[in-house]
Amino acid sequence: MHELLHPQSWKPARGYANGVAASGRMVFVGGMIGWNAQQEFETDDFIEQVAQALRNVVAVLAEAGATPEHLVRLTWYVTNRDEYVARLKELGPVYREVLGKNFPAMALVQVVALVEQRAKVEIEATAVVP
């Protein structure tokens, strides 16, 4: 399926991969935010928005016949880095509930704002289906 890339002399990555090598059909998921299928926010809570954004990623993957295990990259855009860091212990279980124990290459970027004013997180994804 895919190979995680981690230099032997590096400290272990926790909750992400430093790199992934994969081959197959590539699936690109645009930035998913924490609103539902009707494009309505049900909450302003950061963790709940993350959960919904991840569920939205999974729904788009399914349209391509992909599952979370096919993810090779996630890019997170958050409006508040400090909230992200402060709530990591809550975030882990939500992440694993939606995506399982799949930890692709990831980046996190704090942005001033997202297009949708109520959005606190936006997540882009890349998957490779063998």
N, C-alpha and C. Protein backbone atom coordinates (compact mmCIF):
# COMPACT_ATOMS: atom_id res chain seq x y z
N MET A 1 0.83 -1.18 0.00
CA MET A 1 0.00 0.00 0.00
C MET A 1 0.87 1.25 0.00
N HIS A 2 1.45 1.62 1.17
CA HIS A 2 2.39 2.72 1.20
C HIS A 2 3.42 2.49 2.31
N GLU A 3 4.51 3.19 2.16
CA GLU A 3 5.64 3.02 3.08
C GLU A 3 5.87 4.33 3.84
N LEU A 4 5.95 4.23 5.16
CA LEU A 4 6.25 5.40 5.96
C LEU A 4 7.75 5.65 5.92
N LEU A 5 8.13 6.90 5.78
CA LEU A 5 9.54 7.28 5.66
C LEU A 5 9.97 8.00 6.92
N HIS A 6 10.96 7.41 7.60
CA HIS A 6 11.44 7.99 8.85
C HIS A 6 12.93 7.68 9.02
N PRO A 7 13.77 8.69 8.92
CA PRO A 7 15.20 8.46 9.12
C PRO A 7 15.48 7.80 10.47
N GLN A 8 16.32 6.77 10.48
CA GLN A 8 16.58 5.98 11.68
C GLN A 8 17.10 6.81 12.85
N SER A 9 17.88 7.82 12.58
CA SER A 9 18.49 8.59 13.67
C SER A 9 17.55 9.65 14.26
N TRP A 10 16.35 9.81 13.69
CA TRP A 10 15.42 10.83 14.17
C TRP A 10 14.57 10.32 15.32
N LYS A 11 14.18 11.22 16.17
CA LYS A 11 13.23 10.93 17.24
C LYS A 11 11.91 10.47 16.59
N PRO A 12 11.22 9.49 17.17
CA PRO A 12 9.97 8.99 16.56
C PRO A 12 8.92 10.09 16.40
N ALA A 13 8.23 10.06 15.28
CA ALA A 13 7.11 10.97 15.04
C ALA A 13 5.90 10.42 15.78
N ARG A 14 5.15 11.29 16.43
CA ARG A 14 3.96 10.85 17.18
C ARG A 14 2.72 11.46 16.56
N GLY A 15 1.84 10.60 16.02
CA GLY A 15 0.59 11.07 15.45
C GLY A 15 0.68 11.54 14.02
N TYR A 16 1.83 11.36 13.39
CA TYR A 16 2.01 11.74 11.99
C TYR A 16 3.22 10.99 11.44
N ALA A 17 3.40 11.05 10.15
CA ALA A 17 4.59 10.48 9.50
C ALA A 17 5.41 11.64 8.94
N ASN A 18 6.72 11.47 8.92
CA ASN A 18 7.57 12.49 8.30
C ASN A 18 7.46 12.45 6.79
N GLY A 19 7.21 11.29 6.25
CA GLY A 19 7.05 11.14 4.81
C GLY A 19 6.37 9.83 4.50
N VAL A 20 5.80 9.75 3.29
CA VAL A 20 5.10 8.55 2.84
C VAL A 20 5.44 8.33 1.37
N ALA A 21 5.78 7.11 1.01
CA ALA A 21 5.96 6.74 -0.39
C ALA A 21 4.80 5.84 -0.77
N ALA A 22 4.17 6.11 -1.91
CA ALA A 22 3.00 5.33 -2.32
C ALA A 22 2.90 5.33 -3.84
N SER A 23 2.20 4.34 -4.36
CA SER A 23 1.90 4.33 -5.79
C SER A 23 0.47 3.87 -5.97
N GLY A 24 -0.17 4.39 -7.01
CA GLY A 24 -1.56 4.04 -7.29
C GLY A 24 -2.34 5.25 -7.77
N ARG A 25 -3.66 5.17 -7.65
CA ARG A 25 -4.56 6.26 -8.06
C ARG A 25 -4.56 7.33 -6.98
N MET A 26 -4.22 8.56 -7.36
CA MET A 26 -4.17 9.65 -6.40
C MET A 26 -5.53 10.30 -6.26
N VAL A 27 -5.90 10.59 -5.02
CA VAL A 27 -7.16 11.26 -4.72
C VAL A 27 -6.83 12.52 -3.91
N PHE A 28 -7.30 13.66 -4.39
CA PHE A 28 -7.04 14.93 -3.72
C PHE A 28 -8.35 15.46 -3.16
N VAL A 29 -8.35 15.72 -1.86
CA VAL A 29 -9.55 16.24 -1.20
C VAL A 29 -9.30 17.70 -0.86
N GLY A 30 -10.17 18.57 -1.35
CA GLY A 30 -10.05 20.00 -1.08
C GLY A 30 -10.25 20.27 0.40
N GLY A 31 -10.05 21.49 0.80
CA GLY A 31 -10.16 21.86 2.20
C GLY A 31 -11.55 21.61 2.77
N MET A 32 -11.62 20.71 3.73
CA MET A 32 -12.88 20.39 4.40
C MET A 32 -12.94 21.14 5.72
N ILE A 33 -14.09 21.74 6.00
CA ILE A 33 -14.27 22.46 7.25
C ILE A 33 -15.34 21.76 8.09
N GLY A 34 -15.61 22.30 9.27
CA GLY A 34 -16.47 21.64 10.23
C GLY A 34 -17.95 21.89 10.07
N TRP A 35 -18.43 21.96 8.83
CA TRP A 35 -19.87 22.06 8.64
C TRP A 35 -20.42 20.76 8.08
N ASN A 36 -21.73 20.59 8.16
CA ASN A 36 -22.37 19.35 7.73
C ASN A 36 -22.62 19.35 6.22
N ALA A 37 -23.30 18.32 5.74
CA ALA A 37 -23.55 18.17 4.30
C ALA A 37 -24.41 19.29 3.73
N GLN A 38 -25.16 19.97 4.58
CA GLN A 38 -25.99 21.10 4.13
C GLN A 38 -25.24 22.43 4.27
N GLN A 39 -23.94 22.34 4.52
CA GLN A 39 -23.07 23.50 4.69
C GLN A 39 -23.53 24.40 5.84
N GLU A 40 -23.89 23.73 6.95
CA GLU A 40 -24.32 24.43 8.15
C GLU A 40 -23.43 24.01 9.31
N PHE A 41 -22.99 24.99 10.09
CA PHE A 41 -22.22 24.68 11.29
C PHE A 41 -23.18 24.29 12.40
N GLU A 42 -22.89 23.19 13.06
CA GLU A 42 -23.70 22.74 14.19
C GLU A 42 -23.05 23.13 15.51
N THR A 43 -21.82 23.61 15.46
CA THR A 43 -21.08 23.95 16.68
C THR A 43 -19.95 24.94 16.37
N ASP A 44 -19.54 25.64 17.40
CA ASP A 44 -18.36 26.49 17.32
C ASP A 44 -17.20 25.90 18.11
N ASP A 45 -17.40 24.69 18.63
CA ASP A 45 -16.35 24.03 19.40
C ASP A 45 -15.26 23.50 18.46
N PHE A 46 -14.01 23.79 18.78
CA PHE A 46 -12.89 23.39 17.92
C PHE A 46 -12.85 21.88 17.70
N ILE A 47 -12.92 21.08 18.75
CA ILE A 47 -12.80 19.63 18.61
C ILE A 47 -13.95 19.06 17.78
N GLU A 48 -15.16 19.57 18.02
CA GLU A 48 -16.30 19.09 17.24
C GLU A 48 -16.19 19.50 15.78
N GLN A 49 -15.63 20.67 15.50
CA GLN A 49 -15.41 21.07 14.11
C GLN A 49 -14.35 20.19 13.46
N VAL A 50 -13.30 19.84 14.21
CA VAL A 50 -12.29 18.92 13.67
C VAL A 50 -12.94 17.59 13.32
N ALA A 51 -13.75 17.05 14.22
CA ALA A 51 -14.40 15.76 13.97
C ALA A 51 -15.24 15.83 12.71
N GLN A 52 -16.01 16.90 12.54
CA GLN A 52 -16.86 17.02 11.34
C GLN A 52 -16.00 17.18 10.09
N ALA A 53 -14.94 17.98 10.17
CA ALA A 53 -14.07 18.15 9.01
C ALA A 53 -13.45 16.81 8.60
N LEU A 54 -13.03 16.01 9.59
CA LEU A 54 -12.46 14.69 9.28
C LEU A 54 -13.52 13.76 8.68
N ARG A 55 -14.74 13.81 9.21
CA ARG A 55 -15.82 13.00 8.62
C ARG A 55 -16.08 13.43 7.19
N ASN A 56 -15.97 14.73 6.91
CA ASN A 56 -16.15 15.22 5.55
C ASN A 56 -15.05 14.71 4.63
N VAL A 57 -13.82 14.67 5.13
CA VAL A 57 -12.71 14.08 4.36
C VAL A 57 -13.03 12.63 4.01
N VAL A 58 -13.48 11.86 5.00
CA VAL A 58 -13.79 10.45 4.79
C VAL A 58 -14.91 10.29 3.77
N ALA A 59 -15.91 11.15 3.81
CA ALA A 59 -17.02 11.07 2.86
C ALA A 59 -16.54 11.31 1.42
N VAL A 60 -15.65 12.27 1.24
CA VAL A 60 -15.13 12.53 -0.11
C VAL A 60 -14.24 11.37 -0.55
N LEU A 61 -13.42 10.84 0.35
CA LEU A 61 -12.59 9.68 0.01
C LEU A 61 -13.46 8.53 -0.47
N ALA A 62 -14.57 8.30 0.20
CA ALA A 62 -15.46 7.19 -0.15
C ALA A 62 -15.97 7.31 -1.58
N GLU A 63 -16.16 8.53 -2.05
CA GLU A 63 -16.61 8.73 -3.43
C GLU A 63 -15.60 8.20 -4.44
N ALA A 64 -14.35 8.11 -4.02
CA ALA A 64 -13.28 7.60 -4.90
C ALA A 64 -12.94 6.15 -4.59
N GLY A 65 -13.73 5.52 -3.71
CA GLY A 65 -13.43 4.15 -3.31
C GLY A 65 -12.25 4.06 -2.37
N ALA A 66 -11.95 5.16 -1.69
CA ALA A 66 -10.81 5.21 -0.77
C ALA A 66 -11.31 5.22 0.67
N THR A 67 -10.43 4.85 1.57
CA THR A 67 -10.71 4.86 3.00
C THR A 67 -9.57 5.61 3.71
N PRO A 68 -9.71 5.88 5.00
CA PRO A 68 -8.65 6.59 5.70
C PRO A 68 -7.28 5.90 5.61
N GLU A 69 -7.26 4.59 5.47
CA GLU A 69 -5.96 3.90 5.37
C GLU A 69 -5.20 4.28 4.10
N HIS A 70 -5.88 4.88 3.14
CA HIS A 70 -5.23 5.31 1.91
C HIS A 70 -4.64 6.71 2.00
N LEU A 71 -4.88 7.41 3.11
CA LEU A 71 -4.35 8.77 3.26
C LEU A 71 -2.83 8.75 3.31
N VAL A 72 -2.22 9.67 2.59
CA VAL A 72 -0.76 9.81 2.62
C VAL A 72 -0.34 11.20 3.09
N ARG A 73 -1.28 12.15 3.08
CA ARG A 73 -0.94 13.52 3.50
C ARG A 73 -2.19 14.25 3.98
N LEU A 74 -2.02 15.01 5.06
CA LEU A 74 -3.05 15.93 5.56
C LEU A 74 -2.40 17.27 5.81
N THR A 75 -3.07 18.33 5.40
CA THR A 75 -2.63 19.68 5.74
C THR A 75 -3.76 20.34 6.51
N TRP A 76 -3.45 20.76 7.71
CA TRP A 76 -4.43 21.39 8.60
C TRP A 76 -4.16 22.89 8.62
N TYR A 77 -5.23 23.66 8.52
CA TYR A 77 -5.17 25.11 8.68
C TYR A 77 -6.05 25.43 9.89
N VAL A 78 -5.47 26.04 10.90
CA VAL A 78 -6.23 26.39 12.11
C VAL A 78 -6.15 27.89 12.33
N THR A 79 -7.19 28.42 12.95
CA THR A 79 -7.21 29.86 13.23
C THR A 79 -6.59 30.18 14.58
N ASN A 80 -6.34 29.13 15.39
CA ASN A 80 -5.77 29.37 16.71
C ASN A 80 -4.86 28.21 17.09
N ARG A 81 -3.57 28.39 16.87
CA ARG A 81 -2.58 27.37 17.18
C ARG A 81 -2.60 27.00 18.66
N ASP A 82 -2.76 27.99 19.51
CA ASP A 82 -2.76 27.74 20.95
C ASP A 82 -3.91 26.83 21.36
N GLU A 83 -5.08 27.02 20.77
CA GLU A 83 -6.21 26.14 21.08
C GLU A 83 -5.92 24.72 20.60
N TYR A 84 -5.33 24.60 19.41
CA TYR A 84 -4.95 23.28 18.89
C TYR A 84 -4.02 22.57 19.88
N VAL A 85 -2.97 23.24 20.30
CA VAL A 85 -1.99 22.64 21.22
C VAL A 85 -2.63 22.32 22.56
N ALA A 86 -3.43 23.22 23.09
CA ALA A 86 -4.05 23.03 24.40
C ALA A 86 -5.04 21.86 24.40
N ARG A 87 -5.59 21.53 23.25
CA ARG A 87 -6.64 20.50 23.20
C ARG A 87 -6.18 19.22 22.51
N LEU A 88 -4.87 19.03 22.39
CA LEU A 88 -4.35 17.82 21.72
C LEU A 88 -4.84 16.53 22.37
N LYS A 89 -4.94 16.50 23.69
CA LYS A 89 -5.39 15.27 24.36
C LYS A 89 -6.83 14.93 24.00
N GLU A 90 -7.65 15.93 23.73
CA GLU A 90 -9.01 15.69 23.27
C GLU A 90 -9.03 15.34 21.78
N LEU A 91 -8.12 15.92 21.05
CA LEU A 91 -8.07 15.73 19.60
C LEU A 91 -7.70 14.31 19.21
N GLY A 92 -6.74 13.71 19.92
CA GLY A 92 -6.28 12.36 19.57
C GLY A 92 -7.40 11.33 19.47
N PRO A 93 -8.24 11.19 20.50
CA PRO A 93 -9.32 10.21 20.41
C PRO A 93 -10.31 10.48 19.27
N VAL A 94 -10.60 11.74 19.01
CA VAL A 94 -11.51 12.09 17.91
C VAL A 94 -10.87 11.71 16.58
N TYR A 95 -9.60 12.03 16.41
CA TYR A 95 -8.87 11.67 15.19
C TYR A 95 -8.93 10.16 14.97
N ARG A 96 -8.59 9.38 16.01
CA ARG A 96 -8.56 7.92 15.87
C ARG A 96 -9.96 7.34 15.62
N GLU A 97 -10.98 7.97 16.21
CA GLU A 97 -12.36 7.50 16.00
C GLU A 97 -12.76 7.62 14.53
N VAL A 98 -12.35 8.70 13.89
CA VAL A 98 -12.74 8.94 12.49
C VAL A 98 -11.76 8.31 11.50
N LEU A 99 -10.46 8.46 11.75
CA LEU A 99 -9.46 8.00 10.77
C LEU A 99 -8.75 6.72 11.18
N GLY A 100 -8.97 6.25 12.37
CA GLY A 100 -8.28 5.05 12.83
C GLY A 100 -6.85 5.38 13.19
N LYS A 101 -6.02 4.36 13.18
CA LYS A 101 -4.60 4.55 13.52
C LYS A 101 -3.78 4.74 12.26
N ASN A 102 -4.23 5.65 11.43
CA ASN A 102 -3.54 6.01 10.20
C ASN A 102 -2.93 7.38 10.40
N PHE A 103 -1.62 7.47 10.28
CA PHE A 103 -0.93 8.72 10.55
C PHE A 103 -0.08 9.10 9.35
N PRO A 104 -0.69 9.80 8.37
CA PRO A 104 0.04 10.20 7.17
C PRO A 104 0.99 11.36 7.45
N ALA A 105 1.71 11.76 6.43
CA ALA A 105 2.52 12.97 6.54
C ALA A 105 1.56 14.13 6.78
N MET A 106 1.92 15.01 7.72
CA MET A 106 1.01 16.10 8.07
C MET A 106 1.76 17.41 8.24
N ALA A 107 1.02 18.47 7.98
CA ALA A 107 1.50 19.82 8.29
C ALA A 107 0.34 20.56 8.94
N LEU A 108 0.68 21.48 9.84
CA LEU A 108 -0.31 22.32 10.49
C LEU A 108 0.14 23.76 10.34
N VAL A 109 -0.78 24.61 9.88
CA VAL A 109 -0.48 26.01 9.65
C VAL A 109 -1.53 26.86 10.35
N GLN A 110 -1.08 27.86 11.10
CA GLN A 110 -2.04 28.82 11.66
C GLN A 110 -2.28 29.91 10.63
N VAL A 111 -3.54 30.23 10.42
CA VAL A 111 -3.92 31.27 9.47
C VAL A 111 -4.70 32.36 10.22
N VAL A 112 -4.75 33.53 9.65
CA VAL A 112 -5.47 34.63 10.26
C VAL A 112 -6.96 34.35 10.26
N ALA A 113 -7.47 33.79 9.18
CA ALA A 113 -8.89 33.49 9.07
C ALA A 113 -9.08 32.49 7.95
N LEU A 114 -10.25 31.84 7.97
CA LEU A 114 -10.67 30.97 6.88
C LEU A 114 -11.83 31.67 6.17
N VAL A 115 -12.16 31.22 4.98
CA VAL A 115 -13.20 31.89 4.19
C VAL A 115 -14.53 31.91 4.94
N GLU A 116 -14.91 30.78 5.52
CA GLU A 116 -16.14 30.73 6.32
C GLU A 116 -15.82 31.25 7.72
N GLN A 117 -16.47 32.32 8.13
CA GLN A 117 -16.13 32.99 9.38
C GLN A 117 -16.19 32.09 10.61
N ARG A 118 -17.13 31.15 10.66
CA ARG A 118 -17.26 30.30 11.85
C ARG A 118 -16.27 29.15 11.86
N ALA A 119 -15.61 28.90 10.73
CA ALA A 119 -14.67 27.78 10.64
C ALA A 119 -13.44 28.03 11.49
N LYS A 120 -13.07 27.02 12.27
CA LYS A 120 -11.86 27.09 13.10
C LYS A 120 -10.75 26.21 12.55
N VAL A 121 -11.10 25.32 11.62
CA VAL A 121 -10.13 24.39 11.05
C VAL A 121 -10.55 24.07 9.62
N GLU A 122 -9.56 23.87 8.77
CA GLU A 122 -9.77 23.39 7.41
C GLU A 122 -8.70 22.34 7.15
N ILE A 123 -9.11 21.20 6.58
CA ILE A 123 -8.18 20.09 6.39
C ILE A 123 -8.21 19.64 4.94
N GLU A 124 -7.05 19.66 4.29
CA GLU A 124 -6.86 19.11 2.94
C GLU A 124 -6.27 17.72 3.09
N ALA A 125 -6.58 16.86 2.12
CA ALA A 125 -6.07 15.49 2.21
C ALA A 125 -5.63 14.99 0.83
N THR A 126 -4.66 14.10 0.86
CA THR A 126 -4.24 13.38 -0.34
C THR A 126 -4.21 11.91 0.03
N ALA A 127 -4.80 11.10 -0.83
CA ALA A 127 -4.82 9.64 -0.63
C ALA A 127 -4.30 8.98 -1.88
N VAL A 128 -3.77 7.77 -1.72
CA VAL A 128 -3.33 6.97 -2.86
C VAL A 128 -3.96 5.60 -2.71
N VAL A 129 -4.77 5.23 -3.70
CA VAL A 129 -5.46 3.94 -3.70
C VAL A 129 -4.66 3.00 -4.61
N PRO A 130 -4.13 1.89 -4.04
CA PRO A 130 -3.32 0.98 -4.87
C PRO A 130 -4.12 0.37 -6.03
